[in-house]
PDBML (XML) file of the C-alpha atoms, coordinates in Angstrom:
<?xml version="1.0" encoding="UTF-8" ?>
<PDBx:datablock datablockName="MODEL"
   xmlns:PDBx="http://pdbml.pdb.org/schema/pdbx-v50.xsd"
   xmlns:xsi="http://www.w3.org/2001/XMLSchema-instance"
   xsi:schemaLocation="http://pdbml.pdb.org/schema/pdbx-v50.xsd pdbx-v50.xsd">
   <PDBx:atom_siteCategory>
      <PDBx:atom_site id="1">
         <PDBx:B_iso_or_equiv>0.00</PDBx:B_iso_or_equiv>
         <PDBx:Cartn_x>12.284</PDBx:Cartn_x>
         <PDBx:Cartn_y>-3.009</PDBx:Cartn_y>
         <PDBx:Cartn_z>8.791</PDBx:Cartn_z>
         <PDBx:auth_asym_id>A</PDBx:auth_asym_id>
         <PDBx:auth_atom_id>CA</PDBx:auth_atom_id>
         <PDBx:auth_comp_id>VAL</PDBx:auth_comp_id>
         <PDBx:auth_seq_id>1</PDBx:auth_seq_id>
         <PDBx:group_PDB>ATOM</PDBx:group_PDB>
         <PDBx:label_alt_id xsi:nil="true" />
         <PDBx:label_asym_id>A</PDBx:label_asym_id>
         <PDBx:label_atom_id>CA</PDBx:label_atom_id>
         <PDBx:label_comp_id>VAL</PDBx:label_comp_id>
         <PDBx:label_entity_id>1</PDBx:label_entity_id>
         <PDBx:label_seq_id>1</PDBx:label_seq_id>
         <PDBx:occupancy>1.00</PDBx:occupancy>
         <PDBx:pdbx_PDB_model_num>1</PDBx:pdbx_PDB_model_num>
         <PDBx:type_symbol>C</PDBx:type_symbol>
      </PDBx:atom_site>
      <PDBx:atom_site id="2">
         <PDBx:B_iso_or_equiv>0.00</PDBx:B_iso_or_equiv>
         <PDBx:Cartn_x>11.862</PDBx:Cartn_x>
         <PDBx:Cartn_y>0.525</PDBx:Cartn_y>
         <PDBx:Cartn_z>10.114</PDBx:Cartn_z>
         <PDBx:auth_asym_id>A</PDBx:auth_asym_id>
         <PDBx:auth_atom_id>CA</PDBx:auth_atom_id>
         <PDBx:auth_comp_id>PHE</PDBx:auth_comp_id>
         <PDBx:auth_seq_id>2</PDBx:auth_seq_id>
         <PDBx:group_PDB>ATOM</PDBx:group_PDB>
         <PDBx:label_alt_id xsi:nil="true" />
         <PDBx:label_asym_id>A</PDBx:label_asym_id>
         <PDBx:label_atom_id>CA</PDBx:label_atom_id>
         <PDBx:label_comp_id>PHE</PDBx:label_comp_id>
         <PDBx:label_entity_id>1</PDBx:label_entity_id>
         <PDBx:label_seq_id>2</PDBx:label_seq_id>
         <PDBx:occupancy>1.00</PDBx:occupancy>
         <PDBx:pdbx_PDB_model_num>1</PDBx:pdbx_PDB_model_num>
         <PDBx:type_symbol>C</PDBx:type_symbol>
      </PDBx:atom_site>
      <PDBx:atom_site id="3">
         <PDBx:B_iso_or_equiv>0.00</PDBx:B_iso_or_equiv>
         <PDBx:Cartn_x>10.965</PDBx:Cartn_x>
         <PDBx:Cartn_y>1.888</PDBx:Cartn_y>
         <PDBx:Cartn_z>13.535</PDBx:Cartn_z>
         <PDBx:auth_asym_id>A</PDBx:auth_asym_id>
         <PDBx:auth_atom_id>CA</PDBx:auth_atom_id>
         <PDBx:auth_comp_id>LYS</PDBx:auth_comp_id>
         <PDBx:auth_seq_id>3</PDBx:auth_seq_id>
         <PDBx:group_PDB>ATOM</PDBx:group_PDB>
         <PDBx:label_alt_id xsi:nil="true" />
         <PDBx:label_asym_id>A</PDBx:label_asym_id>
         <PDBx:label_atom_id>CA</PDBx:label_atom_id>
         <PDBx:label_comp_id>LYS</PDBx:label_comp_id>
         <PDBx:label_entity_id>1</PDBx:label_entity_id>
         <PDBx:label_seq_id>3</PDBx:label_seq_id>
         <PDBx:occupancy>1.00</PDBx:occupancy>
         <PDBx:pdbx_PDB_model_num>1</PDBx:pdbx_PDB_model_num>
         <PDBx:type_symbol>C</PDBx:type_symbol>
      </PDBx:atom_site>
      <PDBx:atom_site id="4">
         <PDBx:B_iso_or_equiv>0.00</PDBx:B_iso_or_equiv>
         <PDBx:Cartn_x>7.271</PDBx:Cartn_x>
         <PDBx:Cartn_y>2.304</PDBx:Cartn_y>
         <PDBx:Cartn_z>12.693</PDBx:Cartn_z>
         <PDBx:auth_asym_id>A</PDBx:auth_asym_id>
         <PDBx:auth_atom_id>CA</PDBx:auth_atom_id>
         <PDBx:auth_comp_id>TYR</PDBx:auth_comp_id>
         <PDBx:auth_seq_id>4</PDBx:auth_seq_id>
         <PDBx:group_PDB>ATOM</PDBx:group_PDB>
         <PDBx:label_alt_id xsi:nil="true" />
         <PDBx:label_asym_id>A</PDBx:label_asym_id>
         <PDBx:label_atom_id>CA</PDBx:label_atom_id>
         <PDBx:label_comp_id>TYR</PDBx:label_comp_id>
         <PDBx:label_entity_id>1</PDBx:label_entity_id>
         <PDBx:label_seq_id>4</PDBx:label_seq_id>
         <PDBx:occupancy>1.00</PDBx:occupancy>
         <PDBx:pdbx_PDB_model_num>1</PDBx:pdbx_PDB_model_num>
         <PDBx:type_symbol>C</PDBx:type_symbol>
      </PDBx:atom_site>
      <PDBx:atom_site id="5">
         <PDBx:B_iso_or_equiv>0.00</PDBx:B_iso_or_equiv>
         <PDBx:Cartn_x>6.841</PDBx:Cartn_x>
         <PDBx:Cartn_y>0.185</PDBx:Cartn_y>
         <PDBx:Cartn_z>9.567</PDBx:Cartn_z>
         <PDBx:auth_asym_id>A</PDBx:auth_asym_id>
         <PDBx:auth_atom_id>CA</PDBx:auth_atom_id>
         <PDBx:auth_comp_id>ASN</PDBx:auth_comp_id>
         <PDBx:auth_seq_id>5</PDBx:auth_seq_id>
         <PDBx:group_PDB>ATOM</PDBx:group_PDB>
         <PDBx:label_alt_id xsi:nil="true" />
         <PDBx:label_asym_id>A</PDBx:label_asym_id>
         <PDBx:label_atom_id>CA</PDBx:label_atom_id>
         <PDBx:label_comp_id>ASN</PDBx:label_comp_id>
         <PDBx:label_entity_id>1</PDBx:label_entity_id>
         <PDBx:label_seq_id>5</PDBx:label_seq_id>
         <PDBx:occupancy>1.00</PDBx:occupancy>
         <PDBx:pdbx_PDB_model_num>1</PDBx:pdbx_PDB_model_num>
         <PDBx:type_symbol>C</PDBx:type_symbol>
      </PDBx:atom_site>
      <PDBx:atom_site id="6">
         <PDBx:B_iso_or_equiv>0.00</PDBx:B_iso_or_equiv>
         <PDBx:Cartn_x>7.842</PDBx:Cartn_x>
         <PDBx:Cartn_y>-3.129</PDBx:Cartn_y>
         <PDBx:Cartn_z>8.076</PDBx:Cartn_z>
         <PDBx:auth_asym_id>A</PDBx:auth_asym_id>
         <PDBx:auth_atom_id>CA</PDBx:auth_atom_id>
         <PDBx:auth_comp_id>TRP</PDBx:auth_comp_id>
         <PDBx:auth_seq_id>6</PDBx:auth_seq_id>
         <PDBx:group_PDB>ATOM</PDBx:group_PDB>
         <PDBx:label_alt_id xsi:nil="true" />
         <PDBx:label_asym_id>A</PDBx:label_asym_id>
         <PDBx:label_atom_id>CA</PDBx:label_atom_id>
         <PDBx:label_comp_id>TRP</PDBx:label_comp_id>
         <PDBx:label_entity_id>1</PDBx:label_entity_id>
         <PDBx:label_seq_id>6</PDBx:label_seq_id>
         <PDBx:occupancy>1.00</PDBx:occupancy>
         <PDBx:pdbx_PDB_model_num>1</PDBx:pdbx_PDB_model_num>
         <PDBx:type_symbol>C</PDBx:type_symbol>
      </PDBx:atom_site>
      <PDBx:atom_site id="7">
         <PDBx:B_iso_or_equiv>0.00</PDBx:B_iso_or_equiv>
         <PDBx:Cartn_x>7.485</PDBx:Cartn_x>
         <PDBx:Cartn_y>-4.674</PDBx:Cartn_y>
         <PDBx:Cartn_z>4.657</PDBx:Cartn_z>
         <PDBx:auth_asym_id>A</PDBx:auth_asym_id>
         <PDBx:auth_atom_id>CA</PDBx:auth_atom_id>
         <PDBx:auth_comp_id>LEU</PDBx:auth_comp_id>
         <PDBx:auth_seq_id>7</PDBx:auth_seq_id>
         <PDBx:group_PDB>ATOM</PDBx:group_PDB>
         <PDBx:label_alt_id xsi:nil="true" />
         <PDBx:label_asym_id>A</PDBx:label_asym_id>
         <PDBx:label_atom_id>CA</PDBx:label_atom_id>
         <PDBx:label_comp_id>LEU</PDBx:label_comp_id>
         <PDBx:label_entity_id>1</PDBx:label_entity_id>
         <PDBx:label_seq_id>7</PDBx:label_seq_id>
         <PDBx:occupancy>1.00</PDBx:occupancy>
         <PDBx:pdbx_PDB_model_num>1</PDBx:pdbx_PDB_model_num>
         <PDBx:type_symbol>C</PDBx:type_symbol>
      </PDBx:atom_site>
      <PDBx:atom_site id="8">
         <PDBx:B_iso_or_equiv>0.00</PDBx:B_iso_or_equiv>
         <PDBx:Cartn_x>7.551</PDBx:Cartn_x>
         <PDBx:Cartn_y>-8.279</PDBx:Cartn_y>
         <PDBx:Cartn_z>3.476</PDBx:Cartn_z>
         <PDBx:auth_asym_id>A</PDBx:auth_asym_id>
         <PDBx:auth_atom_id>CA</PDBx:auth_atom_id>
         <PDBx:auth_comp_id>ALA</PDBx:auth_comp_id>
         <PDBx:auth_seq_id>8</PDBx:auth_seq_id>
         <PDBx:group_PDB>ATOM</PDBx:group_PDB>
         <PDBx:label_alt_id xsi:nil="true" />
         <PDBx:label_asym_id>A</PDBx:label_asym_id>
         <PDBx:label_atom_id>CA</PDBx:label_atom_id>
         <PDBx:label_comp_id>ALA</PDBx:label_comp_id>
         <PDBx:label_entity_id>1</PDBx:label_entity_id>
         <PDBx:label_seq_id>8</PDBx:label_seq_id>
         <PDBx:occupancy>1.00</PDBx:occupancy>
         <PDBx:pdbx_PDB_model_num>1</PDBx:pdbx_PDB_model_num>
         <PDBx:type_symbol>C</PDBx:type_symbol>
      </PDBx:atom_site>
      <PDBx:atom_site id="9">
         <PDBx:B_iso_or_equiv>0.00</PDBx:B_iso_or_equiv>
         <PDBx:Cartn_x>7.684</PDBx:Cartn_x>
         <PDBx:Cartn_y>-9.119</PDBx:Cartn_y>
         <PDBx:Cartn_z>-0.199</PDBx:Cartn_z>
         <PDBx:auth_asym_id>A</PDBx:auth_asym_id>
         <PDBx:auth_atom_id>CA</PDBx:auth_atom_id>
         <PDBx:auth_comp_id>ILE</PDBx:auth_comp_id>
         <PDBx:auth_seq_id>9</PDBx:auth_seq_id>
         <PDBx:group_PDB>ATOM</PDBx:group_PDB>
         <PDBx:label_alt_id xsi:nil="true" />
         <PDBx:label_asym_id>A</PDBx:label_asym_id>
         <PDBx:label_atom_id>CA</PDBx:label_atom_id>
         <PDBx:label_comp_id>ILE</PDBx:label_comp_id>
         <PDBx:label_entity_id>1</PDBx:label_entity_id>
         <PDBx:label_seq_id>9</PDBx:label_seq_id>
         <PDBx:occupancy>1.00</PDBx:occupancy>
         <PDBx:pdbx_PDB_model_num>1</PDBx:pdbx_PDB_model_num>
         <PDBx:type_symbol>C</PDBx:type_symbol>
      </PDBx:atom_site>
      <PDBx:atom_site id="10">
         <PDBx:B_iso_or_equiv>0.00</PDBx:B_iso_or_equiv>
         <PDBx:Cartn_x>7.198</PDBx:Cartn_x>
         <PDBx:Cartn_y>-12.760</PDBx:Cartn_y>
         <PDBx:Cartn_z>-1.063</PDBx:Cartn_z>
         <PDBx:auth_asym_id>A</PDBx:auth_asym_id>
         <PDBx:auth_atom_id>CA</PDBx:auth_atom_id>
         <PDBx:auth_comp_id>ILE</PDBx:auth_comp_id>
         <PDBx:auth_seq_id>10</PDBx:auth_seq_id>
         <PDBx:group_PDB>ATOM</PDBx:group_PDB>
         <PDBx:label_alt_id xsi:nil="true" />
         <PDBx:label_asym_id>A</PDBx:label_asym_id>
         <PDBx:label_atom_id>CA</PDBx:label_atom_id>
         <PDBx:label_comp_id>ILE</PDBx:label_comp_id>
         <PDBx:label_entity_id>1</PDBx:label_entity_id>
         <PDBx:label_seq_id>10</PDBx:label_seq_id>
         <PDBx:occupancy>1.00</PDBx:occupancy>
         <PDBx:pdbx_PDB_model_num>1</PDBx:pdbx_PDB_model_num>
         <PDBx:type_symbol>C</PDBx:type_symbol>
      </PDBx:atom_site>
      <PDBx:atom_site id="11">
         <PDBx:B_iso_or_equiv>0.00</PDBx:B_iso_or_equiv>
         <PDBx:Cartn_x>7.493</PDBx:Cartn_x>
         <PDBx:Cartn_y>-14.052</PDBx:Cartn_y>
         <PDBx:Cartn_z>-4.615</PDBx:Cartn_z>
         <PDBx:auth_asym_id>A</PDBx:auth_asym_id>
         <PDBx:auth_atom_id>CA</PDBx:auth_atom_id>
         <PDBx:auth_comp_id>ALA</PDBx:auth_comp_id>
         <PDBx:auth_seq_id>11</PDBx:auth_seq_id>
         <PDBx:group_PDB>ATOM</PDBx:group_PDB>
         <PDBx:label_alt_id xsi:nil="true" />
         <PDBx:label_asym_id>A</PDBx:label_asym_id>
         <PDBx:label_atom_id>CA</PDBx:label_atom_id>
         <PDBx:label_comp_id>ALA</PDBx:label_comp_id>
         <PDBx:label_entity_id>1</PDBx:label_entity_id>
         <PDBx:label_seq_id>11</PDBx:label_seq_id>
         <PDBx:occupancy>1.00</PDBx:occupancy>
         <PDBx:pdbx_PDB_model_num>1</PDBx:pdbx_PDB_model_num>
         <PDBx:type_symbol>C</PDBx:type_symbol>
      </PDBx:atom_site>
      <PDBx:atom_site id="12">
         <PDBx:B_iso_or_equiv>0.00</PDBx:B_iso_or_equiv>
         <PDBx:Cartn_x>5.987</PDBx:Cartn_x>
         <PDBx:Cartn_y>-17.423</PDBx:Cartn_y>
         <PDBx:Cartn_z>-5.441</PDBx:Cartn_z>
         <PDBx:auth_asym_id>A</PDBx:auth_asym_id>
         <PDBx:auth_atom_id>CA</PDBx:auth_atom_id>
         <PDBx:auth_comp_id>ASP</PDBx:auth_comp_id>
         <PDBx:auth_seq_id>12</PDBx:auth_seq_id>
         <PDBx:group_PDB>ATOM</PDBx:group_PDB>
         <PDBx:label_alt_id xsi:nil="true" />
         <PDBx:label_asym_id>A</PDBx:label_asym_id>
         <PDBx:label_atom_id>CA</PDBx:label_atom_id>
         <PDBx:label_comp_id>ASP</PDBx:label_comp_id>
         <PDBx:label_entity_id>1</PDBx:label_entity_id>
         <PDBx:label_seq_id>12</PDBx:label_seq_id>
         <PDBx:occupancy>1.00</PDBx:occupancy>
         <PDBx:pdbx_PDB_model_num>1</PDBx:pdbx_PDB_model_num>
         <PDBx:type_symbol>C</PDBx:type_symbol>
      </PDBx:atom_site>
      <PDBx:atom_site id="13">
         <PDBx:B_iso_or_equiv>0.00</PDBx:B_iso_or_equiv>
         <PDBx:Cartn_x>7.085</PDBx:Cartn_x>
         <PDBx:Cartn_y>-18.144</PDBx:Cartn_y>
         <PDBx:Cartn_z>-9.022</PDBx:Cartn_z>
         <PDBx:auth_asym_id>A</PDBx:auth_asym_id>
         <PDBx:auth_atom_id>CA</PDBx:auth_atom_id>
         <PDBx:auth_comp_id>PRO</PDBx:auth_comp_id>
         <PDBx:auth_seq_id>13</PDBx:auth_seq_id>
         <PDBx:group_PDB>ATOM</PDBx:group_PDB>
         <PDBx:label_alt_id xsi:nil="true" />
         <PDBx:label_asym_id>A</PDBx:label_asym_id>
         <PDBx:label_atom_id>CA</PDBx:label_atom_id>
         <PDBx:label_comp_id>PRO</PDBx:label_comp_id>
         <PDBx:label_entity_id>1</PDBx:label_entity_id>
         <PDBx:label_seq_id>13</PDBx:label_seq_id>
         <PDBx:occupancy>1.00</PDBx:occupancy>
         <PDBx:pdbx_PDB_model_num>1</PDBx:pdbx_PDB_model_num>
         <PDBx:type_symbol>C</PDBx:type_symbol>
      </PDBx:atom_site>
      <PDBx:atom_site id="14">
         <PDBx:B_iso_or_equiv>0.00</PDBx:B_iso_or_equiv>
         <PDBx:Cartn_x>5.293</PDBx:Cartn_x>
         <PDBx:Cartn_y>-21.491</PDBx:Cartn_y>
         <PDBx:Cartn_z>-9.217</PDBx:Cartn_z>
         <PDBx:auth_asym_id>A</PDBx:auth_asym_id>
         <PDBx:auth_atom_id>CA</PDBx:auth_atom_id>
         <PDBx:auth_comp_id>SER</PDBx:auth_comp_id>
         <PDBx:auth_seq_id>14</PDBx:auth_seq_id>
         <PDBx:group_PDB>ATOM</PDBx:group_PDB>
         <PDBx:label_alt_id xsi:nil="true" />
         <PDBx:label_asym_id>A</PDBx:label_asym_id>
         <PDBx:label_atom_id>CA</PDBx:label_atom_id>
         <PDBx:label_comp_id>SER</PDBx:label_comp_id>
         <PDBx:label_entity_id>1</PDBx:label_entity_id>
         <PDBx:label_seq_id>14</PDBx:label_seq_id>
         <PDBx:occupancy>1.00</PDBx:occupancy>
         <PDBx:pdbx_PDB_model_num>1</PDBx:pdbx_PDB_model_num>
         <PDBx:type_symbol>C</PDBx:type_symbol>
      </PDBx:atom_site>
      <PDBx:atom_site id="15">
         <PDBx:B_iso_or_equiv>0.00</PDBx:B_iso_or_equiv>
         <PDBx:Cartn_x>1.967</PDBx:Cartn_x>
         <PDBx:Cartn_y>-19.760</PDBx:Cartn_y>
         <PDBx:Cartn_z>-8.609</PDBx:Cartn_z>
         <PDBx:auth_asym_id>A</PDBx:auth_asym_id>
         <PDBx:auth_atom_id>CA</PDBx:auth_atom_id>
         <PDBx:auth_comp_id>ARG</PDBx:auth_comp_id>
         <PDBx:auth_seq_id>15</PDBx:auth_seq_id>
         <PDBx:group_PDB>ATOM</PDBx:group_PDB>
         <PDBx:label_alt_id xsi:nil="true" />
         <PDBx:label_asym_id>A</PDBx:label_asym_id>
         <PDBx:label_atom_id>CA</PDBx:label_atom_id>
         <PDBx:label_comp_id>ARG</PDBx:label_comp_id>
         <PDBx:label_entity_id>1</PDBx:label_entity_id>
         <PDBx:label_seq_id>15</PDBx:label_seq_id>
         <PDBx:occupancy>1.00</PDBx:occupancy>
         <PDBx:pdbx_PDB_model_num>1</PDBx:pdbx_PDB_model_num>
         <PDBx:type_symbol>C</PDBx:type_symbol>
      </PDBx:atom_site>
      <PDBx:atom_site id="16">
         <PDBx:B_iso_or_equiv>0.00</PDBx:B_iso_or_equiv>
         <PDBx:Cartn_x>3.059</PDBx:Cartn_x>
         <PDBx:Cartn_y>-16.599</PDBx:Cartn_y>
         <PDBx:Cartn_z>-10.477</PDBx:Cartn_z>
         <PDBx:auth_asym_id>A</PDBx:auth_asym_id>
         <PDBx:auth_atom_id>CA</PDBx:auth_atom_id>
         <PDBx:auth_comp_id>GLU</PDBx:auth_comp_id>
         <PDBx:auth_seq_id>16</PDBx:auth_seq_id>
         <PDBx:group_PDB>ATOM</PDBx:group_PDB>
         <PDBx:label_alt_id xsi:nil="true" />
         <PDBx:label_asym_id>A</PDBx:label_asym_id>
         <PDBx:label_atom_id>CA</PDBx:label_atom_id>
         <PDBx:label_comp_id>GLU</PDBx:label_comp_id>
         <PDBx:label_entity_id>1</PDBx:label_entity_id>
         <PDBx:label_seq_id>16</PDBx:label_seq_id>
         <PDBx:occupancy>1.00</PDBx:occupancy>
         <PDBx:pdbx_PDB_model_num>1</PDBx:pdbx_PDB_model_num>
         <PDBx:type_symbol>C</PDBx:type_symbol>
      </PDBx:atom_site>
      <PDBx:atom_site id="17">
         <PDBx:B_iso_or_equiv>0.00</PDBx:B_iso_or_equiv>
         <PDBx:Cartn_x>2.207</PDBx:Cartn_x>
         <PDBx:Cartn_y>-14.474</PDBx:Cartn_y>
         <PDBx:Cartn_z>-7.441</PDBx:Cartn_z>
         <PDBx:auth_asym_id>A</PDBx:auth_asym_id>
         <PDBx:auth_atom_id>CA</PDBx:auth_atom_id>
         <PDBx:auth_comp_id>LYS</PDBx:auth_comp_id>
         <PDBx:auth_seq_id>17</PDBx:auth_seq_id>
         <PDBx:group_PDB>ATOM</PDBx:group_PDB>
         <PDBx:label_alt_id xsi:nil="true" />
         <PDBx:label_asym_id>A</PDBx:label_asym_id>
         <PDBx:label_atom_id>CA</PDBx:label_atom_id>
         <PDBx:label_comp_id>LYS</PDBx:label_comp_id>
         <PDBx:label_entity_id>1</PDBx:label_entity_id>
         <PDBx:label_seq_id>17</PDBx:label_seq_id>
         <PDBx:occupancy>1.00</PDBx:occupancy>
         <PDBx:pdbx_PDB_model_num>1</PDBx:pdbx_PDB_model_num>
         <PDBx:type_symbol>C</PDBx:type_symbol>
      </PDBx:atom_site>
      <PDBx:atom_site id="18">
         <PDBx:B_iso_or_equiv>0.00</PDBx:B_iso_or_equiv>
         <PDBx:Cartn_x>3.948</PDBx:Cartn_x>
         <PDBx:Cartn_y>-11.674</PDBx:Cartn_y>
         <PDBx:Cartn_z>-5.570</PDBx:Cartn_z>
         <PDBx:auth_asym_id>A</PDBx:auth_asym_id>
         <PDBx:auth_atom_id>CA</PDBx:auth_atom_id>
         <PDBx:auth_comp_id>ILE</PDBx:auth_comp_id>
         <PDBx:auth_seq_id>18</PDBx:auth_seq_id>
         <PDBx:group_PDB>ATOM</PDBx:group_PDB>
         <PDBx:label_alt_id xsi:nil="true" />
         <PDBx:label_asym_id>A</PDBx:label_asym_id>
         <PDBx:label_atom_id>CA</PDBx:label_atom_id>
         <PDBx:label_comp_id>ILE</PDBx:label_comp_id>
         <PDBx:label_entity_id>1</PDBx:label_entity_id>
         <PDBx:label_seq_id>18</PDBx:label_seq_id>
         <PDBx:occupancy>1.00</PDBx:occupancy>
         <PDBx:pdbx_PDB_model_num>1</PDBx:pdbx_PDB_model_num>
         <PDBx:type_symbol>C</PDBx:type_symbol>
      </PDBx:atom_site>
      <PDBx:atom_site id="19">
         <PDBx:B_iso_or_equiv>0.00</PDBx:B_iso_or_equiv>
         <PDBx:Cartn_x>2.639</PDBx:Cartn_x>
         <PDBx:Cartn_y>-10.718</PDBx:Cartn_y>
         <PDBx:Cartn_z>-2.138</PDBx:Cartn_z>
         <PDBx:auth_asym_id>A</PDBx:auth_asym_id>
         <PDBx:auth_atom_id>CA</PDBx:auth_atom_id>
         <PDBx:auth_comp_id>SER</PDBx:auth_comp_id>
         <PDBx:auth_seq_id>19</PDBx:auth_seq_id>
         <PDBx:group_PDB>ATOM</PDBx:group_PDB>
         <PDBx:label_alt_id xsi:nil="true" />
         <PDBx:label_asym_id>A</PDBx:label_asym_id>
         <PDBx:label_atom_id>CA</PDBx:label_atom_id>
         <PDBx:label_comp_id>SER</PDBx:label_comp_id>
         <PDBx:label_entity_id>1</PDBx:label_entity_id>
         <PDBx:label_seq_id>19</PDBx:label_seq_id>
         <PDBx:occupancy>1.00</PDBx:occupancy>
         <PDBx:pdbx_PDB_model_num>1</PDBx:pdbx_PDB_model_num>
         <PDBx:type_symbol>C</PDBx:type_symbol>
      </PDBx:atom_site>
      <PDBx:atom_site id="20">
         <PDBx:B_iso_or_equiv>0.00</PDBx:B_iso_or_equiv>
         <PDBx:Cartn_x>3.415</PDBx:Cartn_x>
         <PDBx:Cartn_y>-7.252</PDBx:Cartn_y>
         <PDBx:Cartn_z>-0.805</PDBx:Cartn_z>
         <PDBx:auth_asym_id>A</PDBx:auth_asym_id>
         <PDBx:auth_atom_id>CA</PDBx:auth_atom_id>
         <PDBx:auth_comp_id>VAL</PDBx:auth_comp_id>
         <PDBx:auth_seq_id>20</PDBx:auth_seq_id>
         <PDBx:group_PDB>ATOM</PDBx:group_PDB>
         <PDBx:label_alt_id xsi:nil="true" />
         <PDBx:label_asym_id>A</PDBx:label_asym_id>
         <PDBx:label_atom_id>CA</PDBx:label_atom_id>
         <PDBx:label_comp_id>VAL</PDBx:label_comp_id>
         <PDBx:label_entity_id>1</PDBx:label_entity_id>
         <PDBx:label_seq_id>20</PDBx:label_seq_id>
         <PDBx:occupancy>1.00</PDBx:occupancy>
         <PDBx:pdbx_PDB_model_num>1</PDBx:pdbx_PDB_model_num>
         <PDBx:type_symbol>C</PDBx:type_symbol>
      </PDBx:atom_site>
      <PDBx:atom_site id="21">
         <PDBx:B_iso_or_equiv>0.00</PDBx:B_iso_or_equiv>
         <PDBx:Cartn_x>2.616</PDBx:Cartn_x>
         <PDBx:Cartn_y>-7.040</PDBx:Cartn_y>
         <PDBx:Cartn_z>2.902</PDBx:Cartn_z>
         <PDBx:auth_asym_id>A</PDBx:auth_asym_id>
         <PDBx:auth_atom_id>CA</PDBx:auth_atom_id>
         <PDBx:auth_comp_id>ILE</PDBx:auth_comp_id>
         <PDBx:auth_seq_id>21</PDBx:auth_seq_id>
         <PDBx:group_PDB>ATOM</PDBx:group_PDB>
         <PDBx:label_alt_id xsi:nil="true" />
         <PDBx:label_asym_id>A</PDBx:label_asym_id>
         <PDBx:label_atom_id>CA</PDBx:label_atom_id>
         <PDBx:label_comp_id>ILE</PDBx:label_comp_id>
         <PDBx:label_entity_id>1</PDBx:label_entity_id>
         <PDBx:label_seq_id>21</PDBx:label_seq_id>
         <PDBx:occupancy>1.00</PDBx:occupancy>
         <PDBx:pdbx_PDB_model_num>1</PDBx:pdbx_PDB_model_num>
         <PDBx:type_symbol>C</PDBx:type_symbol>
      </PDBx:atom_site>
      <PDBx:atom_site id="22">
         <PDBx:B_iso_or_equiv>0.00</PDBx:B_iso_or_equiv>
         <PDBx:Cartn_x>2.945</PDBx:Cartn_x>
         <PDBx:Cartn_y>-3.724</PDBx:Cartn_y>
         <PDBx:Cartn_z>4.733</PDBx:Cartn_z>
         <PDBx:auth_asym_id>A</PDBx:auth_asym_id>
         <PDBx:auth_atom_id>CA</PDBx:auth_atom_id>
         <PDBx:auth_comp_id>TRP</PDBx:auth_comp_id>
         <PDBx:auth_seq_id>22</PDBx:auth_seq_id>
         <PDBx:group_PDB>ATOM</PDBx:group_PDB>
         <PDBx:label_alt_id xsi:nil="true" />
         <PDBx:label_asym_id>A</PDBx:label_asym_id>
         <PDBx:label_atom_id>CA</PDBx:label_atom_id>
         <PDBx:label_comp_id>TRP</PDBx:label_comp_id>
         <PDBx:label_entity_id>1</PDBx:label_entity_id>
         <PDBx:label_seq_id>22</PDBx:label_seq_id>
         <PDBx:occupancy>1.00</PDBx:occupancy>
         <PDBx:pdbx_PDB_model_num>1</PDBx:pdbx_PDB_model_num>
         <PDBx:type_symbol>C</PDBx:type_symbol>
      </PDBx:atom_site>
      <PDBx:atom_site id="23">
         <PDBx:B_iso_or_equiv>0.00</PDBx:B_iso_or_equiv>
         <PDBx:Cartn_x>2.500</PDBx:Cartn_x>
         <PDBx:Cartn_y>-3.703</PDBx:Cartn_y>
         <PDBx:Cartn_z>8.530</PDBx:Cartn_z>
         <PDBx:auth_asym_id>A</PDBx:auth_asym_id>
         <PDBx:auth_atom_id>CA</PDBx:auth_atom_id>
         <PDBx:auth_comp_id>ASP</PDBx:auth_comp_id>
         <PDBx:auth_seq_id>23</PDBx:auth_seq_id>
         <PDBx:group_PDB>ATOM</PDBx:group_PDB>
         <PDBx:label_alt_id xsi:nil="true" />
         <PDBx:label_asym_id>A</PDBx:label_asym_id>
         <PDBx:label_atom_id>CA</PDBx:label_atom_id>
         <PDBx:label_comp_id>ASP</PDBx:label_comp_id>
         <PDBx:label_entity_id>1</PDBx:label_entity_id>
         <PDBx:label_seq_id>23</PDBx:label_seq_id>
         <PDBx:occupancy>1.00</PDBx:occupancy>
         <PDBx:pdbx_PDB_model_num>1</PDBx:pdbx_PDB_model_num>
         <PDBx:type_symbol>C</PDBx:type_symbol>
      </PDBx:atom_site>
      <PDBx:atom_site id="24">
         <PDBx:B_iso_or_equiv>0.00</PDBx:B_iso_or_equiv>
         <PDBx:Cartn_x>-0.149</PDBx:Cartn_x>
         <PDBx:Cartn_y>-6.451</PDBx:Cartn_y>
         <PDBx:Cartn_z>8.496</PDBx:Cartn_z>
         <PDBx:auth_asym_id>A</PDBx:auth_asym_id>
         <PDBx:auth_atom_id>CA</PDBx:auth_atom_id>
         <PDBx:auth_comp_id>ASP</PDBx:auth_comp_id>
         <PDBx:auth_seq_id>24</PDBx:auth_seq_id>
         <PDBx:group_PDB>ATOM</PDBx:group_PDB>
         <PDBx:label_alt_id xsi:nil="true" />
         <PDBx:label_asym_id>A</PDBx:label_asym_id>
         <PDBx:label_atom_id>CA</PDBx:label_atom_id>
         <PDBx:label_comp_id>ASP</PDBx:label_comp_id>
         <PDBx:label_entity_id>1</PDBx:label_entity_id>
         <PDBx:label_seq_id>24</PDBx:label_seq_id>
         <PDBx:occupancy>1.00</PDBx:occupancy>
         <PDBx:pdbx_PDB_model_num>1</PDBx:pdbx_PDB_model_num>
         <PDBx:type_symbol>C</PDBx:type_symbol>
      </PDBx:atom_site>
   </PDBx:atom_siteCategory>
</PDBx:datablock>
């Protein structure tokens, strides 16, 4: 978390997926 931006990274190993979510 930053003043003007945020990032979430979510790894889902069972589905072999990594979600990278910037400011959305």
